[in-house]
Amino acid sequence: MMDNLTAYNTLGLNKDDLIHFALKVEKTRDFTTRFNGINIGMSSGTSGNKGIIITTKKRRELHQSNVCFKIGFTKNASLRDIWENI
């Protein structure tokens, strides 16, 4: 899949640009940096092959809301309430 990332991704992103960006983020450790507004990450490569992770803002927000729901976070819950119930 990584060999054909440029062709497979639906956002029209170039694999070489993504790898260069992800390596820069890893080196600087500035994980707030976005590639044209999109989260780009690199897998650890524990299987022997590093991969690129592409996450749009919409997907990131969906994931964050799922995590908050699973740990019981509501607008009326304090962080202390959540921490005590984990």
Protein backbone atom coordinates (compact mmCIF):
# COMPACT_ATOMS: atom_id res chain seq x y z
CA MET A 1 0.00 0.00 0.00
CA MET A 2 2.81 2.45 0.83
CA ASP A 3 4.35 1.82 -2.59
CA ASN A 4 1.25 3.26 -4.25
CA LEU A 5 0.21 5.81 -1.63
CA THR A 6 0.14 8.70 -4.11
CA ALA A 7 -2.30 6.79 -6.33
CA TYR A 8 -4.45 5.32 -3.51
CA ASN A 9 -5.15 8.30 -1.27
CA THR A 10 -8.32 10.17 -2.13
CA LEU A 11 -6.93 13.58 -1.16
CA GLY A 12 -4.44 13.77 -4.02
CA LEU A 13 -1.43 13.92 -1.68
CA ASN A 14 2.06 13.03 -2.89
CA LYS A 15 3.80 10.19 -1.00
CA ASP A 16 7.25 11.80 -1.10
CA ASP A 17 5.88 15.12 0.22
CA LEU A 18 4.09 13.26 3.04
CA ILE A 19 7.20 11.30 4.04
CA HIS A 20 9.34 14.45 4.04
CA PHE A 21 6.73 16.28 6.15
CA ALA A 22 6.29 13.38 8.61
CA LEU A 23 10.05 13.02 9.11
CA LYS A 24 10.34 16.77 9.75
CA VAL A 25 7.55 16.60 12.36
CA GLU A 26 9.24 13.60 14.03
CA LYS A 27 12.58 15.42 14.13
CA THR A 28 11.19 18.70 15.51
CA ARG A 29 8.61 16.92 17.74
CA ASP A 30 6.10 19.64 16.83
CA PHE A 31 2.98 17.53 16.48
CA THR A 32 0.74 20.57 16.09
CA THR A 33 2.00 21.18 12.55
CA ARG A 34 -0.45 20.27 9.78
CA PHE A 35 0.08 19.49 6.09
CA ASN A 36 -2.44 21.71 4.27
CA GLY A 37 -4.71 21.42 7.33
CA ILE A 38 -4.42 17.62 7.47
CA ASN A 39 -2.81 15.59 10.26
CA ILE A 40 0.05 13.50 8.90
CA GLY A 41 1.81 10.98 11.08
CA MET A 42 4.21 8.13 10.69
CA SER A 43 3.73 4.71 12.22
CA SER A 44 6.53 3.40 14.39
CA GLY A 45 7.53 0.70 11.94
CA THR A 46 7.68 -2.06 14.53
CA SER A 47 6.65 -4.54 11.81
CA GLY A 48 9.69 -3.46 9.82
CA ASN A 49 7.84 -1.02 7.58
CA LYS A 50 7.02 2.55 8.52
CA GLY A 51 3.71 3.83 7.22
CA ILE A 52 2.04 7.19 6.75
CA ILE A 53 -1.13 8.01 8.68
CA ILE A 54 -3.43 10.61 7.11
CA THR A 55 -6.19 12.06 9.29
CA THR A 56 -8.54 14.81 8.17
CA LYS A 57 -9.90 17.35 10.65
CA LYS A 58 -13.35 15.75 10.47
CA ARG A 59 -11.96 12.28 11.25
CA ARG A 60 -9.82 13.68 14.10
CA GLU A 61 -12.84 15.37 15.67
CA LEU A 62 -14.90 12.19 15.33
CA HIS A 63 -12.16 10.20 17.04
CA GLN A 64 -11.87 12.75 19.86
CA SER A 65 -15.62 12.68 20.48
CA ASN A 66 -15.60 8.87 20.52
CA VAL A 67 -12.82 8.84 23.10
CA CYS A 68 -14.65 11.39 25.27
CA PHE A 69 -17.84 9.34 25.06
CA LYS A 70 -16.06 6.09 25.97
CA ILE A 71 -14.42 7.56 29.06
CA GLY A 72 -17.64 9.22 30.20
CA PHE A 73 -16.82 12.84 29.49
CA THR A 74 -19.85 15.09 29.29
CA LYS A 75 -20.07 18.85 29.42
CA ASN A 76 -21.08 18.55 33.10
CA ALA A 77 -18.26 16.18 34.12
CA SER A 78 -15.03 17.49 35.52
CA LEU A 79 -11.67 16.01 34.60
CA ARG A 80 -11.39 14.80 38.20
CA ASP A 81 -14.68 12.88 37.84
CA ILE A 82 -13.40 11.22 34.69
CA TRP A 83 -9.98 10.40 36.13
CA GLU A 84 -11.51 8.76 39.20
CA ASN A 85 -13.67 6.52 37.00
CA ILE A 86 -10.97 5.26 34.67
